[in-house]
Amino acid sequence: MRDFMAFRTMVTPIIIQVIFWIGVVICVIAGIVYIGVGVNQYDGGPNILKGLVILFLGPLTVRIYCEILIIFFRINETLTEIKHAVEDHRPKETA
């Protein structure tokens, strides 16, 4: 709890995972809506194509974006581990 209050524990990676799933749901719904609109129109081919692109490439794009955000937090965690390892192996100064 002390690390959380001192901002040493990050909550943003969990929030990024939630944002990923919300983005996937939005992409799937938007893709289905575009396909439905395209099917109900006389010349709805472009809408069907847009719907398929959103349905398949949308979640992939959201995943890539979220992974890029997570990389920053992984870099922070790794640097913190390196810092602690260096501090543990440093000879203690005697006064």
PDB file of N, CA and C in Angstrom:
ATOM      1  N   MET A   1       0.823  -1.188   0.000  1.00  0.00           N
ATOM      2  CA  MET A   1       0.000   0.000   0.000  1.00  0.00           C
ATOM      3  C   MET A   1       0.877   1.266   0.000  1.00  0.00           C
ATOM      4  N   ARG A   2       2.012   1.176   0.684  1.00  0.00           N
ATOM      5  CA  ARG A   2       2.916   2.317   0.755  1.00  0.00           C
ATOM      6  C   ARG A   2       3.472   2.644  -0.632  1.00  0.00           C
ATOM      7  N   ASP A   3       3.821   1.607  -1.430  1.00  0.00           N
ATOM      8  CA  ASP A   3       4.311   1.836  -2.789  1.00  0.00           C
ATOM      9  C   ASP A   3       3.242   2.479  -3.662  1.00  0.00           C
ATOM     10  N   PHE A   4       1.998   2.066  -3.462  1.00  0.00           N
ATOM     11  CA  PHE A   4       0.894   2.646  -4.225  1.00  0.00           C
ATOM     12  C   PHE A   4       0.728   4.124  -3.906  1.00  0.00           C
ATOM     13  N   MET A   5       0.772   4.469  -2.638  1.00  0.00           N
ATOM     14  CA  MET A   5       0.589   5.860  -2.225  1.00  0.00           C
ATOM     15  C   MET A   5       1.780   6.736  -2.630  1.00  0.00           C
ATOM     16  N   ALA A   6       2.964   6.133  -2.802  1.00  0.00           N
ATOM     17  CA  ALA A   6       4.154   6.888  -3.196  1.00  0.00           C
ATOM     18  C   ALA A   6       4.346   6.863  -4.712  1.00  0.00           C
ATOM     19  N   PHE A   7       3.375   6.347  -5.446  1.00  0.00           N
ATOM     20  CA  PHE A   7       3.410   6.271  -6.911  1.00  0.00           C
ATOM     21  C   PHE A   7       4.557   5.403  -7.423  1.00  0.00           C
ATOM     22  N   ARG A   8       4.940   4.392  -6.651  1.00  0.00           N
ATOM     23  CA  ARG A   8       5.943   3.443  -7.136  1.00  0.00           C
ATOM     24  C   ARG A   8       5.282   2.269  -7.849  1.00  0.00           C
ATOM     25  N   THR A   9       4.016   2.015  -7.550  1.00  0.00           N
ATOM     26  CA  THR A   9       3.243   0.979  -8.225  1.00  0.00           C
ATOM     27  C   THR A   9       2.340   1.656  -9.242  1.00  0.00           C
ATOM     28  N   MET A  10       2.420   1.181 -10.474  1.00  0.00           N
ATOM     29  CA  MET A  10       1.657   1.802 -11.555  1.00  0.00           C
ATOM     30  C   MET A  10       0.305   1.103 -11.726  1.00  0.00           C
ATOM     31  N   VAL A  11      -0.755   1.879 -11.844  1.00  0.00           N
ATOM     32  CA  VAL A  11      -2.080   1.330 -12.119  1.00  0.00           C
ATOM     33  C   VAL A  11      -2.449   1.502 -13.591  1.00  0.00           C
ATOM     34  N   THR A  12      -1.692   2.323 -14.299  1.00  0.00           N
ATOM     35  CA  THR A  12      -2.012   2.607 -15.690  1.00  0.00           C
ATOM     36  C   THR A  12      -1.988   1.372 -16.585  1.00  0.00           C
ATOM     37  N   PRO A  13      -1.052   0.398 -16.406  1.00  0.00           N
ATOM     38  CA  PRO A  13      -1.117  -0.797 -17.260  1.00  0.00           C
ATOM     39  C   PRO A  13      -2.457  -1.537 -17.167  1.00  0.00           C
ATOM     40  N   ILE A  14      -3.062  -1.548 -16.007  1.00  0.00           N
ATOM     41  CA  ILE A  14      -4.372  -2.189 -15.861  1.00  0.00           C
ATOM     42  C   ILE A  14      -5.422  -1.383 -16.620  1.00  0.00           C
ATOM     43  N   ILE A  15      -5.324  -0.070 -16.514  1.00  0.00           N
ATOM     44  CA  ILE A  15      -6.269   0.793 -17.232  1.00  0.00           C
ATOM     45  C   ILE A  15      -6.102   0.626 -18.744  1.00  0.00           C
ATOM     46  N   ILE A  16      -4.871   0.468 -19.195  1.00  0.00           N
ATOM     47  CA  ILE A  16      -4.617   0.269 -20.629  1.00  0.00           C
ATOM     48  C   ILE A  16      -5.261  -1.027 -21.111  1.00  0.00           C
ATOM     49  N   GLN A  17      -5.235  -2.073 -20.305  1.00  0.00           N
ATOM     50  CA  GLN A  17      -5.897  -3.329 -20.685  1.00  0.00           C
ATOM     51  C   GLN A  17      -7.402  -3.132 -20.803  1.00  0.00           C
ATOM     52  N   VAL A  18      -7.982  -2.369 -19.902  1.00  0.00           N
ATOM     53  CA  VAL A  18      -9.423  -2.079 -19.976  1.00  0.00           C
ATOM     54  C   VAL A  18      -9.723  -1.280 -21.245  1.00  0.00           C
ATOM     55  N   ILE A  19      -8.871  -0.291 -21.540  1.00  0.00           N
ATOM     56  CA  ILE A  19      -9.054   0.505 -22.757  1.00  0.00           C
ATOM     57  C   ILE A  19      -8.966  -0.379 -23.995  1.00  0.00           C
ATOM     58  N   PHE A  20      -8.065  -1.367 -23.983  1.00  0.00           N
ATOM     59  CA  PHE A  20      -7.954  -2.292 -25.109  1.00  0.00           C
ATOM     60  C   PHE A  20      -9.272  -3.017 -25.351  1.00  0.00           C
ATOM     61  N   TRP A  21      -9.854  -3.578 -24.297  1.00  0.00           N
ATOM     62  CA  TRP A  21     -11.090  -4.337 -24.482  1.00  0.00           C
ATOM     63  C   TRP A  21     -12.254  -3.435 -24.887  1.00  0.00           C
ATOM     64  N   ILE A  22     -12.290  -2.225 -24.364  1.00  0.00           N
ATOM     65  CA  ILE A  22     -13.329  -1.283 -24.795  1.00  0.00           C
ATOM     66  C   ILE A  22     -13.144  -0.955 -26.272  1.00  0.00           C
ATOM     67  N   GLY A  23     -11.904  -0.743 -26.698  1.00  0.00           N
ATOM     68  CA  GLY A  23     -11.620  -0.473 -28.106  1.00  0.00           C
ATOM     69  C   GLY A  23     -12.009  -1.623 -29.015  1.00  0.00           C
ATOM     70  N   VAL A  24     -11.758  -2.852 -28.572  1.00  0.00           N
ATOM     71  CA  VAL A  24     -12.139  -4.023 -29.368  1.00  0.00           C
ATOM     72  C   VAL A  24     -13.657  -4.093 -29.514  1.00  0.00           C
ATOM     73  N   VAL A  25     -14.371  -3.882 -28.430  1.00  0.00           N
ATOM     74  CA  VAL A  25     -15.838  -3.918 -28.481  1.00  0.00           C
ATOM     75  C   VAL A  25     -16.365  -2.835 -29.415  1.00  0.00           C
ATOM     76  N   ILE A  26     -15.801  -1.640 -29.337  1.00  0.00           N
ATOM     77  CA  ILE A  26     -16.233  -0.554 -30.220  1.00  0.00           C
ATOM     78  C   ILE A  26     -15.962  -0.898 -31.679  1.00  0.00           C
ATOM     79  N   CYS A  27     -14.801  -1.472 -31.966  1.00  0.00           N
ATOM     80  CA  CYS A  27     -14.470  -1.854 -33.354  1.00  0.00           C
ATOM     81  C   CYS A  27     -15.420  -2.922 -33.885  1.00  0.00           C
ATOM     82  N   VAL A  28     -15.727  -3.910 -33.066  1.00  0.00           N
ATOM     83  CA  VAL A  28     -16.635  -4.976 -33.502  1.00  0.00           C
ATOM     84  C   VAL A  28     -18.034  -4.411 -33.750  1.00  0.00           C
ATOM     85  N   ILE A  29     -18.523  -3.597 -32.842  1.00  0.00           N
ATOM     86  CA  ILE A  29     -19.857  -3.008 -33.021  1.00  0.00           C
ATOM     87  C   ILE A  29     -19.886  -2.117 -34.258  1.00  0.00           C
ATOM     88  N   ALA A  30     -18.865  -1.264 -34.430  1.00  0.00           N
ATOM     89  CA  ALA A  30     -18.822  -0.376 -35.598  1.00  0.00           C
ATOM     90  C   ALA A  30     -18.745  -1.186 -36.889  1.00  0.00           C
ATOM     91  N   GLY A  31     -17.956  -2.252 -36.897  1.00  0.00           N
ATOM     92  CA  GLY A  31     -17.856  -3.100 -38.087  1.00  0.00           C
ATOM     93  C   GLY A  31     -19.185  -3.743 -38.438  1.00  0.00           C
ATOM     94  N   ILE A  32     -19.873  -4.253 -37.430  1.00  0.00           N
ATOM     95  CA  ILE A  32     -21.178  -4.890 -37.667  1.00  0.00           C
ATOM     96  C   ILE A  32     -22.197  -3.859 -38.151  1.00  0.00           C
ATOM     97  N   VAL A  33     -22.161  -2.651 -37.581  1.00  0.00           N
ATOM     98  CA  VAL A  33     -23.090  -1.599 -38.009  1.00  0.00           C
ATOM     99  C   VAL A  33     -22.835  -1.229 -39.463  1.00  0.00           C
ATOM    100  N   TYR A  34     -21.573  -1.038 -39.841  1.00  0.00           N
ATOM    101  CA  TYR A  34     -21.268  -0.709 -41.237  1.00  0.00           C
ATOM    102  C   TYR A  34     -21.713  -1.826 -42.176  1.00  0.00           C
ATOM    103  N   ILE A  35     -21.490  -3.059 -41.795  1.00  0.00           N
ATOM    104  CA  ILE A  35     -21.918  -4.178 -42.642  1.00  0.00           C
ATOM    105  C   ILE A  35     -23.442  -4.197 -42.754  1.00  0.00           C
ATOM    106  N   GLY A  36     -24.123  -3.985 -41.625  1.00  0.00           N
ATOM    107  CA  GLY A  36     -25.593  -3.964 -41.648  1.00  0.00           C
ATOM    108  C   GLY A  36     -26.143  -2.842 -42.510  1.00  0.00           C
ATOM    109  N   VAL A  37     -25.538  -1.664 -42.422  1.00  0.00           N
ATOM    110  CA  VAL A  37     -25.973  -0.543 -43.249  1.00  0.00           C
ATOM    111  C   VAL A  37     -25.702  -0.847 -44.715  1.00  0.00           C
ATOM    112  N   GLY A  38     -24.553  -1.441 -45.001  1.00  0.00           N
ATOM    113  CA  GLY A  38     -24.213  -1.765 -46.385  1.00  0.00           C
ATOM    114  C   GLY A  38     -25.130  -2.799 -46.996  1.00  0.00           C
ATOM    115  N   VAL A  39     -25.535  -3.772 -46.205  1.00  0.00           N
ATOM    116  CA  VAL A  39     -26.435  -4.803 -46.709  1.00  0.00           C
ATOM    117  C   VAL A  39     -27.817  -4.221 -47.010  1.00  0.00           C
ATOM    118  N   ASN A  40     -28.241  -3.253 -46.214  1.00  0.00           N
ATOM    119  CA  ASN A  40     -29.572  -2.675 -46.389  1.00  0.00           C
ATOM    120  C   ASN A  40     -29.639  -1.591 -47.449  1.00  0.00           C
ATOM    121  N   GLN A  41     -28.514  -1.195 -48.022  1.00  0.00           N
ATOM    122  CA  GLN A  41     -28.508  -0.188 -49.075  1.00  0.00           C
ATOM    123  C   GLN A  41     -28.396  -0.866 -50.436  1.00  0.00           C
ATOM    124  N   TYR A  42     -28.880  -0.149 -51.455  1.00  0.00           N
ATOM    125  CA  TYR A  42     -28.788  -0.701 -52.811  1.00  0.00           C
ATOM    126  C   TYR A  42     -27.331  -0.765 -53.265  1.00  0.00           C
ATOM    127  N   ASP A  43     -26.586   0.325 -53.063  1.00  0.00           N
ATOM    128  CA  ASP A  43     -25.178   0.361 -53.449  1.00  0.00           C
ATOM    129  C   ASP A  43     -24.330   0.429 -52.173  1.00  0.00           C
ATOM    130  N   GLY A  44     -24.417  -0.591 -51.349  1.00  0.00           N
ATOM    131  CA  GLY A  44     -23.757  -0.579 -50.043  1.00  0.00           C
ATOM    132  C   GLY A  44     -22.432  -1.296 -49.999  1.00  0.00           C
ATOM    133  N   GLY A  45     -21.856  -1.595 -51.153  1.00  0.00           N
ATOM    134  CA  GLY A  45     -20.578  -2.297 -51.194  1.00  0.00           C
ATOM    135  C   GLY A  45     -19.468  -1.610 -50.424  1.00  0.00           C
ATOM    136  N   PRO A  46     -19.307  -0.288 -50.583  1.00  0.00           N
ATOM    137  CA  PRO A  46     -18.244   0.385 -49.821  1.00  0.00           C
ATOM    138  C   PRO A  46     -18.443   0.292 -48.301  1.00  0.00           C
ATOM    139  N   ASN A  47     -19.678   0.345 -47.850  1.00  0.00           N
ATOM    140  CA  ASN A  47     -19.929   0.227 -46.413  1.00  0.00           C
ATOM    141  C   ASN A  47     -19.631  -1.178 -45.903  1.00  0.00           C
ATOM    142  N   ILE A  48     -19.935  -2.173 -46.705  1.00  0.00           N
ATOM    143  CA  ILE A  48     -19.612  -3.543 -46.309  1.00  0.00           C
ATOM    144  C   ILE A  48     -18.100  -3.706 -46.219  1.00  0.00           C
ATOM    145  N   LEU A  49     -17.382  -3.143 -47.187  1.00  0.00           N
ATOM    146  CA  LEU A  49     -15.915  -3.218 -47.173  1.00  0.00           C
ATOM    147  C   LEU A  49     -15.354  -2.476 -45.956  1.00  0.00           C
ATOM    148  N   LYS A  50     -15.874  -1.283 -45.661  1.00  0.00           N
ATOM    149  CA  LYS A  50     -15.442  -0.534 -44.477  1.00  0.00           C
ATOM    150  C   LYS A  50     -15.695  -1.347 -43.202  1.00  0.00           C
ATOM    151  N   GLY A  51     -16.848  -1.972 -43.154  1.00  0.00           N
ATOM    152  CA  GLY A  51     -17.193  -2.776 -41.984  1.00  0.00           C
ATOM    153  C   GLY A  51     -16.238  -3.939 -41.785  1.00  0.00           C
ATOM    154  N   LEU A  52     -15.882  -4.605 -42.873  1.00  0.00           N
ATOM    155  CA  LEU A  52     -14.942  -5.727 -42.770  1.00  0.00           C
ATOM    156  C   LEU A  52     -13.554  -5.260 -42.343  1.00  0.00           C
ATOM    157  N   VAL A  53     -13.129  -4.116 -42.883  1.00  0.00           N
ATOM    158  CA  VAL A  53     -11.819  -3.574 -42.506  1.00  0.00           C
ATOM    159  C   VAL A  53     -11.812  -3.209 -41.027  1.00  0.00           C
ATOM    160  N   ILE A  54     -12.853  -2.528 -40.575  1.00  0.00           N
ATOM    161  CA  ILE A  54     -12.938  -2.157 -39.163  1.00  0.00           C
ATOM    162  C   ILE A  54     -13.018  -3.394 -38.287  1.00  0.00           C
ATOM    163  N   LEU A  55     -13.763  -4.383 -38.720  1.00  0.00           N
ATOM    164  CA  LEU A  55     -13.948  -5.602 -37.938  1.00  0.00           C
ATOM    165  C   LEU A  55     -12.650  -6.359 -37.740  1.00  0.00           C
ATOM    166  N   PHE A  56     -11.790  -6.392 -38.752  1.00  0.00           N
ATOM    167  CA  PHE A  56     -10.565  -7.180 -38.647  1.00  0.00           C
ATOM    168  C   PHE A  56      -9.328  -6.353 -38.298  1.00  0.00           C
ATOM    169  N   LEU A  57      -9.186  -5.164 -38.857  1.00  0.00           N
ATOM    170  CA  LEU A  57      -7.993  -4.362 -38.595  1.00  0.00           C
ATOM    171  C   LEU A  57      -8.146  -3.452 -37.377  1.00  0.00           C
ATOM    172  N   GLY A  58      -9.355  -3.140 -36.999  1.00  0.00           N
ATOM    173  CA  GLY A  58      -9.588  -2.279 -35.838  1.00  0.00           C
ATOM    174  C   GLY A  58      -9.008  -2.850 -34.554  1.00  0.00           C
ATOM    175  N   PRO A  59      -9.380  -4.077 -34.180  1.00  0.00           N
ATOM    176  CA  PRO A  59      -8.801  -4.644 -32.955  1.00  0.00           C
ATOM    177  C   PRO A  59      -7.285  -4.785 -33.013  1.00  0.00           C
ATOM    178  N   LEU A  60      -6.751  -5.079 -34.192  1.00  0.00           N
ATOM    179  CA  LEU A  60      -5.301  -5.184 -34.333  1.00  0.00           C
ATOM    180  C   LEU A  60      -4.637  -3.829 -34.095  1.00  0.00           C
ATOM    181  N   THR A  61      -5.227  -2.778 -34.633  1.00  0.00           N
ATOM    182  CA  THR A  61      -4.692  -1.429 -34.440  1.00  0.00           C
ATOM    183  C   THR A  61      -4.763  -1.013 -32.975  1.00  0.00           C
ATOM    184  N   VAL A  62      -5.870  -1.314 -32.328  1.00  0.00           N
ATOM    185  CA  VAL A  62      -6.014  -0.985 -30.907  1.00  0.00           C
ATOM    186  C   VAL A  62      -4.977  -1.755 -30.092  1.00  0.00           C
ATOM    187  N   ARG A  63      -4.750  -3.013 -30.441  1.00  0.00           N
ATOM    188  CA  ARG A  63      -3.760  -3.837 -29.733  1.00  0.00           C
ATOM    189  C   ARG A  63      -2.355  -3.250 -29.877  1.00  0.00           C
ATOM    190  N   ILE A  64      -1.985  -2.858 -31.086  1.00  0.00           N
ATOM    191  CA  ILE A  64      -0.658  -2.285 -31.317  1.00  0.00           C
ATOM    192  C   ILE A  64      -0.497  -0.992 -30.518  1.00  0.00           C
ATOM    193  N   TYR A  65      -1.492  -0.150 -30.546  1.00  0.00           N
ATOM    194  CA  TYR A  65      -1.434   1.108 -29.798  1.00  0.00           C
ATOM    195  C   TYR A  65      -1.266   0.842 -28.297  1.00  0.00           C
ATOM    196  N   CYS A  66      -2.036  -0.079 -27.759  1.00  0.00           N
ATOM    197  CA  CYS A  66      -1.943  -0.385 -26.329  1.00  0.00           C
ATOM    198  C   CYS A  66      -0.603  -1.026 -25.973  1.00  0.00           C
ATOM    199  N   GLU A  67      -0.073  -1.869 -26.852  1.00  0.00           N
ATOM    200  CA  GLU A  67       1.236  -2.470 -26.593  1.00  0.00           C
ATOM    201  C   GLU A  67       2.330  -1.408 -26.560  1.00  0.00           C
ATOM    202  N   ILE A  68       2.236  -0.413 -27.434  1.00  0.00           N
ATOM    203  CA  ILE A  68       3.222   0.668 -27.419  1.00  0.00           C
ATOM    204  C   ILE A  68       3.159   1.412 -26.088  1.00  0.00           C
ATOM    205  N   LEU A  69       1.964   1.634 -25.580  1.00  0.00           N
ATOM    206  CA  LEU A  69       1.835   2.301 -24.282  1.00  0.00           C
ATOM    207  C   LEU A  69       2.408   1.438 -23.154  1.00  0.00           C
ATOM    208  N   ILE A  70       2.166   0.135 -23.209  1.00  0.00           N
ATOM    209  CA  ILE A  70       2.655  -0.776 -22.169  1.00  0.00           C
ATOM    210  C   ILE A  70       4.179  -0.833 -22.175  1.00  0.00           C
ATOM    211  N   ILE A  71       4.794  -0.695 -23.350  1.00  0.00           N
ATOM    212  CA  ILE A  71       6.255  -0.759 -23.444  1.00  0.00           C
ATOM    213  C   ILE A  71       6.899   0.277 -22.531  1.00  0.00           C
ATOM    214  N   PHE A  72       6.332   1.473 -22.460  1.00  0.00           N
ATOM    215  CA  PHE A  72       6.901   2.504 -21.600  1.00  0.00           C
ATOM    216  C   PHE A  72       6.917   2.065 -20.135  1.00  0.00           C
ATOM    217  N   PHE A  73       5.876   1.387 -19.696  1.00  0.00           N
ATOM    218  CA  PHE A  73       5.820   0.945 -18.311  1.00  0.00           C
ATOM    219  C   PHE A  73       6.759  -0.236 -18.067  1.00  0.00           C
ATOM    220  N   ARG A  74       6.916  -1.108 -19.053  1.00  0.00           N
ATOM    221  CA  ARG A  74       7.873  -2.207 -18.916  1.00  0.00           C
ATOM    222  C   ARG A  74       9.299  -1.669 -18.843  1.00  0.00           C
ATOM    223  N   ILE A  75       9.606  -0.646 -19.632  1.00  0.00           N
ATOM    224  CA  ILE A  75      10.931  -0.031 -19.565  1.00  0.00           C
ATOM    225  C   ILE A  75      11.160   0.534 -18.165  1.00  0.00           C
ATOM    226  N   ASN A  76      10.157   1.189 -17.621  1.00  0.00           N
ATOM    227  CA  ASN A  76      10.264   1.740 -16.267  1.00  0.00           C
ATOM    228  C   ASN A  76      10.509   0.628 -15.246  1.00  0.00           C
ATOM    229  N   GLU A  77       9.768  -0.464 -15.333  1.00  0.00           N
ATOM    230  CA  GLU A  77       9.942  -1.577 -14.396  1.00  0.00           C
ATOM    231  C   GLU A  77      11.340  -2.177 -14.506  1.00  0.00           C
ATOM    232  N   THR A  78      11.825  -2.359 -15.727  1.00  0.00           N
ATOM    233  CA  THR A  78      13.147  -2.940 -15.930  1.00  0.00           C
ATOM    234  C   THR A  78      14.229  -2.022 -15.380  1.00  0.00           C
ATOM    235  N   LEU A  79      14.116  -0.723 -15.629  1.00  0.00           N
ATOM    236  CA  LEU A  79      15.096   0.214 -15.099  1.00  0.00           C
ATOM    237  C   LEU A  79      15.076   0.245 -13.572  1.00  0.00           C
ATOM    238  N   THR A  80      13.897   0.111 -12.988  1.00  0.00           N
ATOM    239  CA  THR A  80      13.799   0.064 -11.527  1.00  0.00           C
ATOM    240  C   THR A  80      14.475  -1.188 -10.981  1.00  0.00           C
ATOM    241  N   GLU A  81      14.276  -2.333 -11.649  1.00  0.00           N
ATOM    242  CA  GLU A  81      14.939  -3.565 -11.222  1.00  0.00           C
ATOM    243  C   GLU A  81      16.455  -3.443 -11.330  1.00  0.00           C
ATOM    244  N   ILE A  82      16.937  -2.825 -12.405  1.00  0.00           N
ATOM    245  CA  ILE A  82      18.379  -2.624 -12.570  1.00  0.00           C
ATOM    246  C   ILE A  82      18.914  -1.725 -11.465  1.00  0.00           C
ATOM    247  N   LYS A  83      18.166  -0.676 -11.148  1.00  0.00           N
ATOM    248  CA  LYS A  83      18.578   0.243 -10.086  1.00  0.00           C
ATOM    249  C   LYS A  83      18.703  -0.484  -8.756  1.00  0.00           C
ATOM    250  N   HIS A  84      17.709  -1.325  -8.436  1.00  0.00           N
ATOM    251  CA  HIS A  84      17.752  -2.064  -7.173  1.00  0.00           C
ATOM    252  C   HIS A  84      18.892  -3.076  -7.162  1.00  0.00           C
ATOM    253  N   ALA A  85      19.157  -3.707  -8.293  1.00  0.00           N
ATOM    254  CA  ALA A  85      20.245  -4.678  -8.366  1.00  0.00           C
ATOM    255  C   ALA A  85      21.595  -3.992  -8.173  1.00  0.00           C
ATOM    256  N   VAL A  86      21.762  -2.823  -8.753  1.00  0.00           N
ATOM    257  CA  VAL A  86      23.019  -2.089  -8.595  1.00  0.00           C
ATOM    258  C   VAL A  86      23.185  -1.626  -7.154  1.00  0.00           C
ATOM    259  N   GLU A  87      22.100  -1.176  -6.552  1.00  0.00           N
ATOM    260  CA  GLU A  87      22.178  -0.731  -5.159  1.00  0.00           C
ATOM    261  C   GLU A  87      22.506  -1.887  -4.222  1.00  0.00           C
ATOM    262  N   ASP A  88      22.005  -3.082  -4.511  1.00  0.00           N
ATOM    263  CA  ASP A  88      22.265  -4.243  -3.657  1.00  0.00           C
ATOM    264  C   ASP A  88      23.715  -4.706  -3.755  1.00  0.00           C
ATOM    265  N   HIS A  89      24.361  -4.531  -4.896  1.00  0.00           N
ATOM    266  CA  HIS A  89      25.729  -5.011  -5.096  1.00  0.00           C
ATOM    267  C   HIS A  89      26.779  -3.952  -4.795  1.00  0.00           C
ATOM    268  N   ARG A  90      26.355  -2.751  -4.483  1.00  0.00           N
ATOM    269  CA  ARG A  90      27.290  -1.688  -4.143  1.00  0.00           C
ATOM    270  C   ARG A  90      27.883  -1.940  -2.766  1.00  0.00           C
ATOM    271  N   PRO A  91      29.183  -1.784  -2.631  1.00  0.00           N
ATOM    272  CA  PRO A  91      29.753  -1.971  -1.276  1.00  0.00           C
ATOM    273  C   PRO A  91      29.258  -0.863  -0.348  1.00  0.00           C
ATOM    274  N   LYS A  92      28.983  -1.267   0.857  1.00  0.00           N
ATOM    275  CA  LYS A  92      28.461  -0.317   1.839  1.00  0.00           C
ATOM    276  C   LYS A  92      29.607   0.565   2.348  1.00  0.00           C
ATOM    277  N   GLU A  93      29.321   1.847   2.423  1.00  0.00           N
ATOM    278  CA  GLU A  93      30.330   2.788   2.909  1.00  0.00           C
ATOM    279  C   GLU A  93      30.366   2.742   4.429  1.00  0.00           C
ATOM    280  N   THR A  94      31.557   2.742   4.962  1.00  0.00           N
ATOM    281  CA  THR A  94      31.705   2.771   6.423  1.00  0.00           C
ATOM    282  C   THR A  94      32.129   4.171   6.837  1.00  0.00           C
ATOM    283  N   ALA A  95      31.539   4.625   7.896  1.00  0.00           N
ATOM    284  CA  ALA A  95      31.834   6.000   8.337  1.00  0.00           C
ATOM    285  C   ALA A  95      32.879   6.017   9.421  1.00  0.00           C
TER     286      ALA A  95
END
